[in-house]
Amino acid sequence: MLNISCHSCGRLLTTLSSIPKFRNLKNFHFFENYNLHVSRPSIRFMTSQSNIEYEAEKFSKLAENWWDENGAMKALHSMNRVRVPFIRDGLISMGCGEPYTSKPLQGIKILEVGCGAGVLCEPLARLGASVLGIDASDNVLEVAKIHRDGNTELSDLQYIDADLEDIVGAGTLRFHAVVASEVVEHVEDKTKFINNCCSLLMPNGSLFLSTINRTQVSYLLAVLMAEEVLGVVPPGTHDWEMFVTTDEIKSYLNQGNCEIQKIVGMNYNPLNNKWTKCQNTSVNYILHAVKKNDINADTQ
């Protein structure tokens, strides 16, 4: 095992010697007091290595543009107006955090899967959360680290080049919340992916997912219009057949022993680059789910 000191407080952190990518962790207390080990090779959450490499390469090509709020990722930045308060309010509704303070997510441990360049990680960290972002793209993670470094508000934000299975394989890591925003539509084995996300939750833990519904309307708006006509996202970003219906997502969550607490649609106006919540989930939607057993235990 490898012990390293936290740069901010000097406490010893225990991390994985068997996975070199974990050695870069600093300023992070997720791994404290855990005896971590991985006894099997890492398995990607995609069905094949070629598919995950394809997805990682696709977003790596956009690395330099991730933090240009008026560039190719402007719609993703704008989406924070909906998803950040949705996550914050969802956690507070579960009794987590410190509401009515400047740091309402103080003490909350969040894992973001497929974090990209940290567009969502950073605002969650600024609300007080300890955030771990993981992604399969080295190039994009380097952009995330550069953008974070030197900002004292982000001292509890860490990034590692890791797969979801690396985190699951640690065996003892648990989070108050797992976030997978605009990720599941790029994953082939969605059942396994969501099961793994659910397995990393603490008791009463929350899973936040945002994705795109597989409907005729979503093909028209999210693929043809967004990619080919308006250029809201780069061409080839989405594969309509990989989109996930709300019925499918409910089934996957049920298999992961989670139950939806809230689901809302998200509407994008390309004219003013603004997202708003809506009742219509036929295109984009975001949901908050909680482990089913925890909910039942609270109601008995």
C-alpha atoms as a PDB file:
ATOM      1  CA  MET A   1       0.000   0.000   0.000  1.00  0.00           C
ATOM      2  CA  LEU A   2       1.081   3.586  -0.600  1.00  0.00           C
ATOM      3  CA  ASN A   3       0.604   6.308   1.992  1.00  0.00           C
ATOM      4  CA  ILE A   4       0.817   9.939   0.916  1.00  0.00           C
ATOM      5  CA  SER A   5       0.304  13.157   2.829  1.00  0.00           C
ATOM      6  CA  CYS A   6      -2.559  15.522   2.064  1.00  0.00           C
ATOM      7  CA  HIS A   7      -1.124  18.813   0.841  1.00  0.00           C
ATOM      8  CA  SER A   8      -3.702  20.897   2.698  1.00  0.00           C
ATOM      9  CA  CYS A   9      -3.684  19.377   6.166  1.00  0.00           C
ATOM     10  CA  GLY A  10      -0.796  16.903   6.381  1.00  0.00           C
ATOM     11  CA  ARG A  11      -2.984  13.909   7.219  1.00  0.00           C
ATOM     12  CA  LEU A  12      -1.987  10.570   5.725  1.00  0.00           C
ATOM     13  CA  LEU A  13      -4.104   9.320   2.863  1.00  0.00           C
ATOM     14  CA  THR A  14      -4.238   5.657   1.901  1.00  0.00           C
ATOM     15  CA  THR A  15      -4.486   4.954  -1.788  1.00  0.00           C
ATOM     16  CA  LEU A  16      -3.914   2.118  -4.245  1.00  0.00           C
ATOM     17  CA  SER A  17      -0.439   0.895  -5.045  1.00  0.00           C
ATOM     18  CA  SER A  18      -1.809  -1.592  -7.548  1.00  0.00           C
ATOM     19  CA  ILE A  19      -3.367   1.125  -9.727  1.00  0.00           C
ATOM     20  CA  PRO A  20      -0.687   3.723 -10.585  1.00  0.00           C
ATOM     21  CA  LYS A  21      -3.247   6.298 -11.707  1.00  0.00           C
ATOM     22  CA  PHE A  22      -4.384   6.703  -8.076  1.00  0.00           C
ATOM     23  CA  ARG A  23      -0.933   7.850  -7.001  1.00  0.00           C
ATOM     24  CA  ASN A  24      -1.645  11.340  -8.297  1.00  0.00           C
ATOM     25  CA  LEU A  25      -4.298  12.046  -5.677  1.00  0.00           C
ATOM     26  CA  LYS A  26      -3.659  15.011  -3.397  1.00  0.00           C
ATOM     27  CA  ASN A  27      -5.674  17.225  -1.081  1.00  0.00           C
ATOM     28  CA  PHE A  28      -8.321  14.519  -0.924  1.00  0.00           C
ATOM     29  CA  HIS A  29      -9.801  12.673   2.040  1.00  0.00           C
ATOM     30  CA  PHE A  30     -11.990  10.125   0.260  1.00  0.00           C
ATOM     31  CA  PHE A  31      -9.287   7.509   0.668  1.00  0.00           C
ATOM     32  CA  GLU A  32      -8.514   8.170   4.294  1.00  0.00           C
ATOM     33  CA  ASN A  33      -9.006   5.214   6.655  1.00  0.00           C
ATOM     34  CA  TYR A  34      -9.698   2.851   3.770  1.00  0.00           C
ATOM     35  CA  ASN A  35      -7.691  -0.332   3.201  1.00  0.00           C
ATOM     36  CA  LEU A  36      -7.975  -0.393  -0.549  1.00  0.00           C
ATOM     37  CA  HIS A  37      -6.973  -3.145  -2.930  1.00  0.00           C
ATOM     38  CA  VAL A  38      -7.830  -4.427  -6.367  1.00  0.00           C
ATOM     39  CA  SER A  39      -7.454  -8.146  -6.933  1.00  0.00           C
ATOM     40  CA  ARG A  40      -8.492  -8.241 -10.594  1.00  0.00           C
ATOM     41  CA  PRO A  41      -7.646  -6.415 -13.792  1.00  0.00           C
ATOM     42  CA  SER A  42      -9.539  -3.191 -14.489  1.00  0.00           C
ATOM     43  CA  ILE A  43     -12.626  -3.634 -16.681  1.00  0.00           C
ATOM     44  CA  ARG A  44     -13.991  -0.710 -18.674  1.00  0.00           C
ATOM     45  CA  PHE A  45     -17.674   0.066 -18.261  1.00  0.00           C
ATOM     46  CA  MET A  46     -18.006  -0.004 -22.044  1.00  0.00           C
ATOM     47  CA  THR A  47     -18.510  -3.414 -23.617  1.00  0.00           C
ATOM     48  CA  SER A  48     -15.288  -3.193 -25.643  1.00  0.00           C
ATOM     49  CA  GLN A  49     -11.981  -1.387 -25.315  1.00  0.00           C
ATOM     50  CA  SER A  50     -12.337   0.017 -28.822  1.00  0.00           C
ATOM     51  CA  ASN A  51     -15.622   1.721 -27.967  1.00  0.00           C
ATOM     52  CA  ILE A  52     -14.353   3.473 -24.868  1.00  0.00           C
ATOM     53  CA  GLU A  53     -11.228   4.571 -26.724  1.00  0.00           C
ATOM     54  CA  TYR A  54     -13.433   5.944 -29.493  1.00  0.00           C
ATOM     55  CA  GLU A  55     -15.560   7.939 -27.026  1.00  0.00           C
ATOM     56  CA  ALA A  56     -12.506   9.215 -25.148  1.00  0.00           C
ATOM     57  CA  GLU A  57     -10.783  10.265 -28.354  1.00  0.00           C
ATOM     58  CA  LYS A  58     -13.920  12.004 -29.589  1.00  0.00           C
ATOM     59  CA  PHE A  59     -14.022  14.300 -26.551  1.00  0.00           C
ATOM     60  CA  SER A  60     -10.237  14.621 -26.324  1.00  0.00           C
ATOM     61  CA  LYS A  61     -10.291  16.406 -29.681  1.00  0.00           C
ATOM     62  CA  LEU A  62     -12.382  19.109 -28.008  1.00  0.00           C
ATOM     63  CA  ALA A  63     -10.052  19.455 -24.999  1.00  0.00           C
ATOM     64  CA  GLU A  64      -8.850  22.969 -25.738  1.00  0.00           C
ATOM     65  CA  ASN A  65     -12.424  24.216 -26.159  1.00  0.00           C
ATOM     66  CA  TRP A  66     -13.971  22.776 -23.006  1.00  0.00           C
ATOM     67  CA  TRP A  67     -13.669  25.985 -20.973  1.00  0.00           C
ATOM     68  CA  ASP A  68     -14.675  28.349 -23.781  1.00  0.00           C
ATOM     69  CA  GLU A  69     -18.163  29.271 -22.584  1.00  0.00           C
ATOM     70  CA  ASN A  70     -18.993  30.709 -25.995  1.00  0.00           C
ATOM     71  CA  GLY A  71     -17.479  27.838 -27.954  1.00  0.00           C
ATOM     72  CA  ALA A  72     -18.389  24.269 -28.794  1.00  0.00           C
ATOM     73  CA  MET A  73     -19.250  23.461 -25.166  1.00  0.00           C
ATOM     74  CA  LYS A  74     -21.397  26.522 -24.462  1.00  0.00           C
ATOM     75  CA  ALA A  75     -24.592  24.476 -24.109  1.00  0.00           C
ATOM     76  CA  LEU A  76     -22.893  22.232 -21.532  1.00  0.00           C
ATOM     77  CA  HIS A  77     -21.805  25.247 -19.492  1.00  0.00           C
ATOM     78  CA  SER A  78     -25.285  26.712 -19.703  1.00  0.00           C
ATOM     79  CA  MET A  79     -26.788  23.415 -18.499  1.00  0.00           C
ATOM     80  CA  ASN A  80     -25.238  24.092 -15.084  1.00  0.00           C
ATOM     81  CA  ARG A  81     -28.053  26.587 -14.488  1.00  0.00           C
ATOM     82  CA  VAL A  82     -30.360  23.587 -14.177  1.00  0.00           C
ATOM     83  CA  ARG A  83     -28.210  20.707 -13.009  1.00  0.00           C
ATOM     84  CA  VAL A  84     -26.222  22.427 -10.225  1.00  0.00           C
ATOM     85  CA  PRO A  85     -29.296  23.602  -8.263  1.00  0.00           C
ATOM     86  CA  PHE A  86     -31.027  20.288  -9.041  1.00  0.00           C
ATOM     87  CA  ILE A  87     -28.161  18.377  -7.413  1.00  0.00           C
ATOM     88  CA  ARG A  88     -27.831  20.840  -4.530  1.00  0.00           C
ATOM     89  CA  ASP A  89     -31.548  20.821  -3.717  1.00  0.00           C
ATOM     90  CA  GLY A  90     -31.791  17.055  -4.113  1.00  0.00           C
ATOM     91  CA  LEU A  91     -29.032  16.479  -1.564  1.00  0.00           C
ATOM     92  CA  ILE A  92     -30.493  18.999   0.856  1.00  0.00           C
ATOM     93  CA  SER A  93     -33.890  17.280   0.553  1.00  0.00           C
ATOM     94  CA  MET A  94     -32.180  14.109   1.779  1.00  0.00           C
ATOM     95  CA  GLY A  95     -30.862  15.871   4.866  1.00  0.00           C
ATOM     96  CA  CYS A  96     -27.340  16.317   3.523  1.00  0.00           C
ATOM     97  CA  GLY A  97     -25.253  19.452   3.637  1.00  0.00           C
ATOM     98  CA  GLU A  98     -25.809  22.794   5.333  1.00  0.00           C
ATOM     99  CA  PRO A  99     -28.725  24.684   3.757  1.00  0.00           C
ATOM    100  CA  TYR A 100     -28.956  28.476   3.885  1.00  0.00           C
ATOM    101  CA  THR A 101     -25.170  28.860   3.969  1.00  0.00           C
ATOM    102  CA  SER A 102     -22.627  29.930   1.377  1.00  0.00           C
ATOM    103  CA  LYS A 103     -21.346  26.331   1.292  1.00  0.00           C
ATOM    104  CA  PRO A 104     -24.545  24.242   1.328  1.00  0.00           C
ATOM    105  CA  LEU A 105     -22.715  21.074   0.237  1.00  0.00           C
ATOM    106  CA  GLN A 106     -20.030  21.293   2.920  1.00  0.00           C
ATOM    107  CA  GLY A 107     -18.964  17.796   3.999  1.00  0.00           C
ATOM    108  CA  ILE A 108     -20.644  16.068   1.050  1.00  0.00           C
ATOM    109  CA  LYS A 109     -18.560  13.575  -0.945  1.00  0.00           C
ATOM    110  CA  ILE A 110     -19.427  13.459  -4.626  1.00  0.00           C
ATOM    111  CA  LEU A 111     -18.131  11.255  -7.423  1.00  0.00           C
ATOM    112  CA  GLU A 112     -18.647  12.518 -10.966  1.00  0.00           C
ATOM    113  CA  VAL A 113     -18.294   9.812 -13.592  1.00  0.00           C
ATOM    114  CA  GLY A 114     -17.215  11.041 -17.018  1.00  0.00           C
ATOM    115  CA  CYS A 115     -16.340  14.463 -15.635  1.00  0.00           C
ATOM    116  CA  GLY A 116     -14.686  15.806 -18.777  1.00  0.00           C
ATOM    117  CA  ALA A 117     -12.817  19.043 -18.084  1.00  0.00           C
ATOM    118  CA  GLY A 118     -14.645  19.649 -14.804  1.00  0.00           C
ATOM    119  CA  VAL A 119     -17.441  21.898 -16.038  1.00  0.00           C
ATOM    120  CA  LEU A 120     -19.814  20.415 -13.434  1.00  0.00           C
ATOM    121  CA  CYS A 121     -17.211  19.384 -10.840  1.00  0.00           C
ATOM    122  CA  GLU A 122     -16.026  22.936 -10.224  1.00  0.00           C
ATOM    123  CA  PRO A 123     -19.367  24.560  -9.288  1.00  0.00           C
ATOM    124  CA  LEU A 124     -20.185  21.614  -7.001  1.00  0.00           C
ATOM    125  CA  ALA A 125     -16.806  22.017  -5.285  1.00  0.00           C
ATOM    126  CA  ARG A 126     -17.415  25.753  -4.889  1.00  0.00           C
ATOM    127  CA  LEU A 127     -20.592  24.872  -2.987  1.00  0.00           C
ATOM    128  CA  GLY A 128     -18.406  23.078  -0.439  1.00  0.00           C
ATOM    129  CA  ALA A 129     -18.484  19.486  -1.685  1.00  0.00           C
ATOM    130  CA  SER A 130     -15.430  17.234  -1.821  1.00  0.00           C
ATOM    131  CA  VAL A 131     -15.518  16.145  -5.445  1.00  0.00           C
ATOM    132  CA  LEU A 132     -13.689  13.356  -7.241  1.00  0.00           C
ATOM    133  CA  GLY A 133     -13.934  13.491 -11.026  1.00  0.00           C
ATOM    134  CA  ILE A 134     -12.995  10.487 -13.156  1.00  0.00           C
ATOM    135  CA  ASP A 135     -12.703  10.271 -16.924  1.00  0.00           C
ATOM    136  CA  ALA A 136     -11.118   8.041 -19.566  1.00  0.00           C
ATOM    137  CA  SER A 137      -9.531  10.910 -21.510  1.00  0.00           C
ATOM    138  CA  ASP A 138      -6.059  11.984 -20.361  1.00  0.00           C
ATOM    139  CA  ASN A 139      -6.160  15.101 -22.534  1.00  0.00           C
ATOM    140  CA  VAL A 140      -9.428  16.351 -21.124  1.00  0.00           C
ATOM    141  CA  LEU A 141      -8.350  15.647 -17.534  1.00  0.00           C
ATOM    142  CA  GLU A 142      -5.193  17.704 -18.071  1.00  0.00           C
ATOM    143  CA  VAL A 143      -7.408  20.614 -19.100  1.00  0.00           C
ATOM    144  CA  ALA A 144      -9.484  20.066 -15.932  1.00  0.00           C
ATOM    145  CA  LYS A 145      -6.408  20.071 -13.694  1.00  0.00           C
ATOM    146  CA  ILE A 146      -4.928  23.185 -15.284  1.00  0.00           C
ATOM    147  CA  HIS A 147      -8.208  25.053 -14.884  1.00  0.00           C
ATOM    148  CA  ARG A 148      -8.468  23.973 -11.227  1.00  0.00           C
ATOM    149  CA  ASP A 149      -4.885  24.537 -10.094  1.00  0.00           C
ATOM    150  CA  GLY A 150      -4.212  27.655  -8.083  1.00  0.00           C
ATOM    151  CA  ASN A 151      -7.853  28.154  -7.077  1.00  0.00           C
ATOM    152  CA  THR A 152      -8.130  27.852  -3.289  1.00  0.00           C
ATOM    153  CA  GLU A 153     -11.877  27.256  -3.536  1.00  0.00           C
ATOM    154  CA  LEU A 154     -11.154  24.009  -5.362  1.00  0.00           C
ATOM    155  CA  SER A 155      -8.720  22.435  -2.903  1.00  0.00           C
ATOM    156  CA  ASP A 156     -11.085  19.488  -2.368  1.00  0.00           C
ATOM    157  CA  LEU A 157     -11.556  18.821  -6.070  1.00  0.00           C
ATOM    158  CA  GLN A 158      -9.486  15.986  -7.510  1.00  0.00           C
ATOM    159  CA  TYR A 159      -9.303  14.306 -10.904  1.00  0.00           C
ATOM    160  CA  ILE A 160      -7.963  10.887 -11.817  1.00  0.00           C
ATOM    161  CA  ASP A 161      -7.737   8.917 -15.037  1.00  0.00           C
ATOM    162  CA  ALA A 162      -9.842   5.988 -13.865  1.00  0.00           C
ATOM    163  CA  ASP A 163     -12.734   3.813 -14.902  1.00  0.00           C
ATOM    164  CA  LEU A 164     -15.859   3.384 -12.858  1.00  0.00           C
ATOM    165  CA  GLU A 165     -14.775  -0.217 -12.251  1.00  0.00           C
ATOM    166  CA  ASP A 166     -11.505   1.005 -10.713  1.00  0.00           C
ATOM    167  CA  ILE A 167     -13.502   2.853  -8.077  1.00  0.00           C
ATOM    168  CA  VAL A 168     -15.871  -0.085  -7.536  1.00  0.00           C
ATOM    169  CA  GLY A 169     -12.890  -2.431  -7.358  1.00  0.00           C
ATOM    170  CA  ALA A 170     -11.476  -0.494  -4.405  1.00  0.00           C
ATOM    171  CA  GLY A 171     -14.235  -2.212  -2.439  1.00  0.00           C
ATOM    172  CA  THR A 172     -14.721   0.299   0.374  1.00  0.00           C
ATOM    173  CA  LEU A 173     -15.315   3.669  -1.279  1.00  0.00           C
ATOM    174  CA  ARG A 174     -18.754   5.189  -0.767  1.00  0.00           C
ATOM    175  CA  PHE A 175     -20.128   8.603  -1.670  1.00  0.00           C
ATOM    176  CA  HIS A 176     -23.067  10.742  -0.598  1.00  0.00           C
ATOM    177  CA  ALA A 177     -23.768  11.248  -4.298  1.00  0.00           C
ATOM    178  CA  VAL A 178     -22.717   9.870  -7.654  1.00  0.00           C
ATOM    179  CA  VAL A 179     -23.258  12.110 -10.678  1.00  0.00           C
ATOM    180  CA  ALA A 180     -23.313  10.933 -14.292  1.00  0.00           C
ATOM    181  CA  SER A 181     -24.352  13.874 -16.434  1.00  0.00           C
ATOM    182  CA  GLU A 182     -24.552  13.429 -20.206  1.00  0.00           C
ATOM    183  CA  VAL A 183     -22.667  10.134 -19.916  1.00  0.00           C
ATOM    184  CA  VAL A 184     -25.016   7.156 -19.992  1.00  0.00           C
ATOM    185  CA  GLU A 185     -25.938   7.795 -23.653  1.00  0.00           C
ATOM    186  CA  HIS A 186     -22.296   7.057 -24.502  1.00  0.00           C
ATOM    187  CA  VAL A 187     -22.185   3.764 -22.573  1.00  0.00           C
ATOM    188  CA  GLU A 188     -22.990   0.416 -24.174  1.00  0.00           C
ATOM    189  CA  ASP A 189     -23.652  -1.692 -21.069  1.00  0.00           C
ATOM    190  CA  LYS A 190     -26.035   0.686 -19.350  1.00  0.00           C
ATOM    191  CA  THR A 191     -27.290  -1.873 -16.822  1.00  0.00           C
ATOM    192  CA  LYS A 192     -23.792  -2.556 -15.532  1.00  0.00           C
ATOM    193  CA  PHE A 193     -22.883   1.108 -15.567  1.00  0.00           C
ATOM    194  CA  ILE A 194     -25.868   2.165 -13.459  1.00  0.00           C
ATOM    195  CA  ASN A 195     -25.475  -0.847 -11.135  1.00  0.00           C
ATOM    196  CA  ASN A 196     -21.905   0.230 -10.477  1.00  0.00           C
ATOM    197  CA  CYS A 197     -22.966   3.810  -9.820  1.00  0.00           C
ATOM    198  CA  CYS A 198     -25.584   2.618  -7.330  1.00  0.00           C
ATOM    199  CA  SER A 199     -23.089   0.329  -5.577  1.00  0.00           C
ATOM    200  CA  LEU A 200     -20.901   3.309  -4.665  1.00  0.00           C
ATOM    201  CA  LEU A 201     -23.604   5.128  -2.722  1.00  0.00           C
ATOM    202  CA  MET A 202     -23.612   5.511   1.041  1.00  0.00           C
ATOM    203  CA  PRO A 203     -26.846   4.662   2.906  1.00  0.00           C
ATOM    204  CA  ASN A 204     -29.455   7.188   1.706  1.00  0.00           C
ATOM    205  CA  GLY A 205     -27.060   8.099  -1.084  1.00  0.00           C
ATOM    206  CA  SER A 206     -28.235   9.914  -4.181  1.00  0.00           C
ATOM    207  CA  LEU A 207     -27.628   9.188  -7.846  1.00  0.00           C
ATOM    208  CA  PHE A 208     -28.037  12.084 -10.284  1.00  0.00           C
ATOM    209  CA  LEU A 209     -28.312  11.306 -13.989  1.00  0.00           C
ATOM    210  CA  SER A 210     -28.965  13.570 -16.943  1.00  0.00           C
ATOM    211  CA  THR A 211     -29.297  12.163 -20.417  1.00  0.00           C
ATOM    212  CA  ILE A 212     -31.364  12.222 -23.624  1.00  0.00           C
ATOM    213  CA  ASN A 213     -34.558  10.300 -24.281  1.00  0.00           C
ATOM    214  CA  ARG A 214     -34.786   8.078 -27.347  1.00  0.00           C
ATOM    215  CA  THR A 215     -37.793   9.518 -29.146  1.00  0.00           C
ATOM    216  CA  GLN A 216     -38.552  10.841 -32.611  1.00  0.00           C
ATOM    217  CA  VAL A 217     -38.499  14.345 -31.170  1.00  0.00           C
ATOM    218  CA  SER A 218     -35.025  13.837 -29.692  1.00  0.00           C
ATOM    219  CA  TYR A 219     -33.688  12.645 -33.042  1.00  0.00           C
ATOM    220  CA  LEU A 220     -34.987  15.790 -34.669  1.00  0.00           C
ATOM    221  CA  LEU A 221     -33.819  18.216 -31.983  1.00  0.00           C
ATOM    222  CA  ALA A 222     -30.777  16.618 -30.309  1.00  0.00           C
ATOM    223  CA  VAL A 223     -29.186  15.139 -33.421  1.00  0.00           C
ATOM    224  CA  LEU A 224     -30.341  16.808 -36.633  1.00  0.00           C
ATOM    225  CA  MET A 225     -30.960  20.328 -35.321  1.00  0.00           C
ATOM    226  CA  ALA A 226     -28.324  20.505 -32.548  1.00  0.00           C
ATOM    227  CA  GLU A 227     -25.494  18.916 -34.531  1.00  0.00           C
ATOM    228  CA  GLU A 228     -26.215  19.473 -38.197  1.00  0.00           C
ATOM    229  CA  VAL A 229     -28.229  22.705 -38.360  1.00  0.00           C
ATOM    230  CA  LEU A 230     -27.513  24.880 -35.323  1.00  0.00           C
ATOM    231  CA  GLY A 231     -24.079  23.528 -34.423  1.00  0.00           C
ATOM    232  CA  VAL A 232     -24.911  23.587 -30.704  1.00  0.00           C
ATOM    233  CA  VAL A 233     -22.711  20.512 -30.251  1.00  0.00           C
ATOM    234  CA  PRO A 234     -20.070  19.130 -32.640  1.00  0.00           C
ATOM    235  CA  PRO A 235     -21.287  16.708 -35.340  1.00  0.00           C
ATOM    236  CA  GLY A 236     -21.041  13.076 -34.273  1.00  0.00           C
ATOM    237  CA  THR A 237     -21.378  13.829 -30.569  1.00  0.00           C
ATOM    238  CA  HIS A 238     -24.493  11.686 -30.225  1.00  0.00           C
ATOM    239  CA  ASP A 239     -25.772   8.354 -31.507  1.00  0.00           C
ATOM    240  CA  TRP A 240     -29.579   8.340 -31.326  1.00  0.00           C
ATOM    241  CA  GLU A 241     -29.695   4.568 -30.841  1.00  0.00           C
ATOM    242  CA  MET A 242     -27.684   5.001 -27.621  1.00  0.00           C
ATOM    243  CA  PHE A 243     -30.232   7.383 -26.092  1.00  0.00           C
ATOM    244  CA  VAL A 244     -32.168   6.067 -23.077  1.00  0.00           C
ATOM    245  CA  THR A 245     -35.936   6.142 -22.580  1.00  0.00           C
ATOM    246  CA  THR A 246     -37.328   6.990 -19.149  1.00  0.00           C
ATOM    247  CA  ASP A 247     -38.817   3.489 -18.883  1.00  0.00           C
ATOM    248  CA  GLU A 248     -35.415   1.946 -19.580  1.00  0.00           C
ATOM    249  CA  ILE A 249     -33.678   4.146 -17.030  1.00  0.00           C
ATOM    250  CA  LYS A 250     -36.266   3.202 -14.392  1.00  0.00           C
ATOM    251  CA  SER A 251     -35.609  -0.479 -15.116  1.00  0.00           C
ATOM    252  CA  TYR A 252     -31.830  -0.038 -14.843  1.00  0.00           C
ATOM    253  CA  LEU A 253     -32.214   1.856 -11.573  1.00  0.00           C
ATOM    254  CA  ASN A 254     -34.531  -0.800 -10.169  1.00  0.00           C
ATOM    255  CA  GLN A 255     -31.892  -3.444 -10.908  1.00  0.00           C
ATOM    256  CA  GLY A 256     -29.412  -1.241  -9.059  1.00  0.00           C
ATOM    257  CA  ASN A 257     -31.793  -1.097  -6.086  1.00  0.00           C
ATOM    258  CA  CYS A 258     -32.515   2.591  -6.584  1.00  0.00           C
ATOM    259  CA  GLU A 259     -35.781   4.463  -6.926  1.00  0.00           C
ATOM    260  CA  ILE A 260     -36.439   7.746  -8.675  1.00  0.00           C
ATOM    261  CA  GLN A 261     -37.306  10.594  -6.333  1.00  0.00           C
ATOM    262  CA  LYS A 262     -37.662  13.283  -8.975  1.00  0.00           C
ATOM    263  CA  ILE A 263     -37.401  13.518 -12.743  1.00  0.00           C
ATOM    264  CA  VAL A 264     -37.799  16.666 -14.832  1.00  0.00           C
ATOM    265  CA  GLY A 265     -37.272  17.637 -18.425  1.00  0.00           C
ATOM    266  CA  MET A 266     -34.708  20.178 -19.563  1.00  0.00           C
ATOM    267  CA  ASN A 267     -35.449  22.536 -22.418  1.00  0.00           C
ATOM    268  CA  TYR A 268     -32.699  24.323 -24.359  1.00  0.00           C
ATOM    269  CA  ASN A 269     -33.188  27.602 -26.193  1.00  0.00           C
ATOM    270  CA  PRO A 270     -30.335  27.982 -28.704  1.00  0.00           C
ATOM    271  CA  LEU A 271     -31.223  31.626 -29.360  1.00  0.00           C
ATOM    272  CA  ASN A 272     -30.174  32.743 -25.866  1.00  0.00           C
ATOM    273  CA  ASN A 273     -28.168  29.634 -24.854  1.00  0.00           C
ATOM    274  CA  LYS A 274     -30.332  28.982 -21.803  1.00  0.00           C
ATOM    275  CA  TRP A 275     -31.649  25.801 -20.233  1.00  0.00           C
ATOM    276  CA  THR A 276     -34.848  25.660 -18.203  1.00  0.00           C
ATOM    277  CA  LYS A 277     -36.641  22.898 -16.331  1.00  0.00           C
ATOM    278  CA  CYS A 278     -39.892  21.646 -17.835  1.00  0.00           C
ATOM    279  CA  GLN A 279     -42.387  18.808 -17.501  1.00  0.00           C
ATOM    280  CA  ASN A 280     -41.640  17.398 -20.955  1.00  0.00           C
ATOM    281  CA  THR A 281     -38.999  14.628 -20.801  1.00  0.00           C
ATOM    282  CA  SER A 282     -39.167  13.686 -24.486  1.00  0.00           C
ATOM    283  CA  VAL A 283     -35.695  15.096 -25.199  1.00  0.00           C
ATOM    284  CA  ASN A 284     -33.364  15.992 -22.312  1.00  0.00           C
ATOM    285  CA  TYR A 285     -34.113  14.987 -18.736  1.00  0.00           C
ATOM    286  CA  ILE A 286     -32.423  14.911 -15.343  1.00  0.00           C
ATOM    287  CA  LEU A 287     -33.312  12.672 -12.413  1.00  0.00           C
ATOM    288  CA  HIS A 288     -32.532  12.103  -8.750  1.00  0.00           C
ATOM    289  CA  ALA A 289     -32.643   8.509  -7.493  1.00  0.00           C
ATOM    290  CA  VAL A 290     -32.022   7.046  -4.033  1.00  0.00           C
ATOM    291  CA  LYS A 291     -31.304   3.501  -2.909  1.00  0.00           C
ATOM    292  CA  LYS A 292     -34.625   1.712  -2.590  1.00  0.00           C
ATOM    293  CA  ASN A 293     -33.829  -0.094   0.665  1.00  0.00           C
ATOM    294  CA  ASP A 294     -32.844   3.171   2.347  1.00  0.00           C
ATOM    295  CA  ILE A 295     -36.148   4.748   1.368  1.00  0.00           C
ATOM    296  CA  ASN A 296     -38.125   1.771   2.668  1.00  0.00           C
ATOM    297  CA  ALA A 297     -36.184   1.774   5.915  1.00  0.00           C
ATOM    298  CA  ASP A 298     -37.066   5.390   6.517  1.00  0.00           C
ATOM    299  CA  THR A 299     -40.776   4.799   5.963  1.00  0.00           C
ATOM    300  CA  GLN A 300     -41.145   1.734   8.169  1.00  0.00           C
END
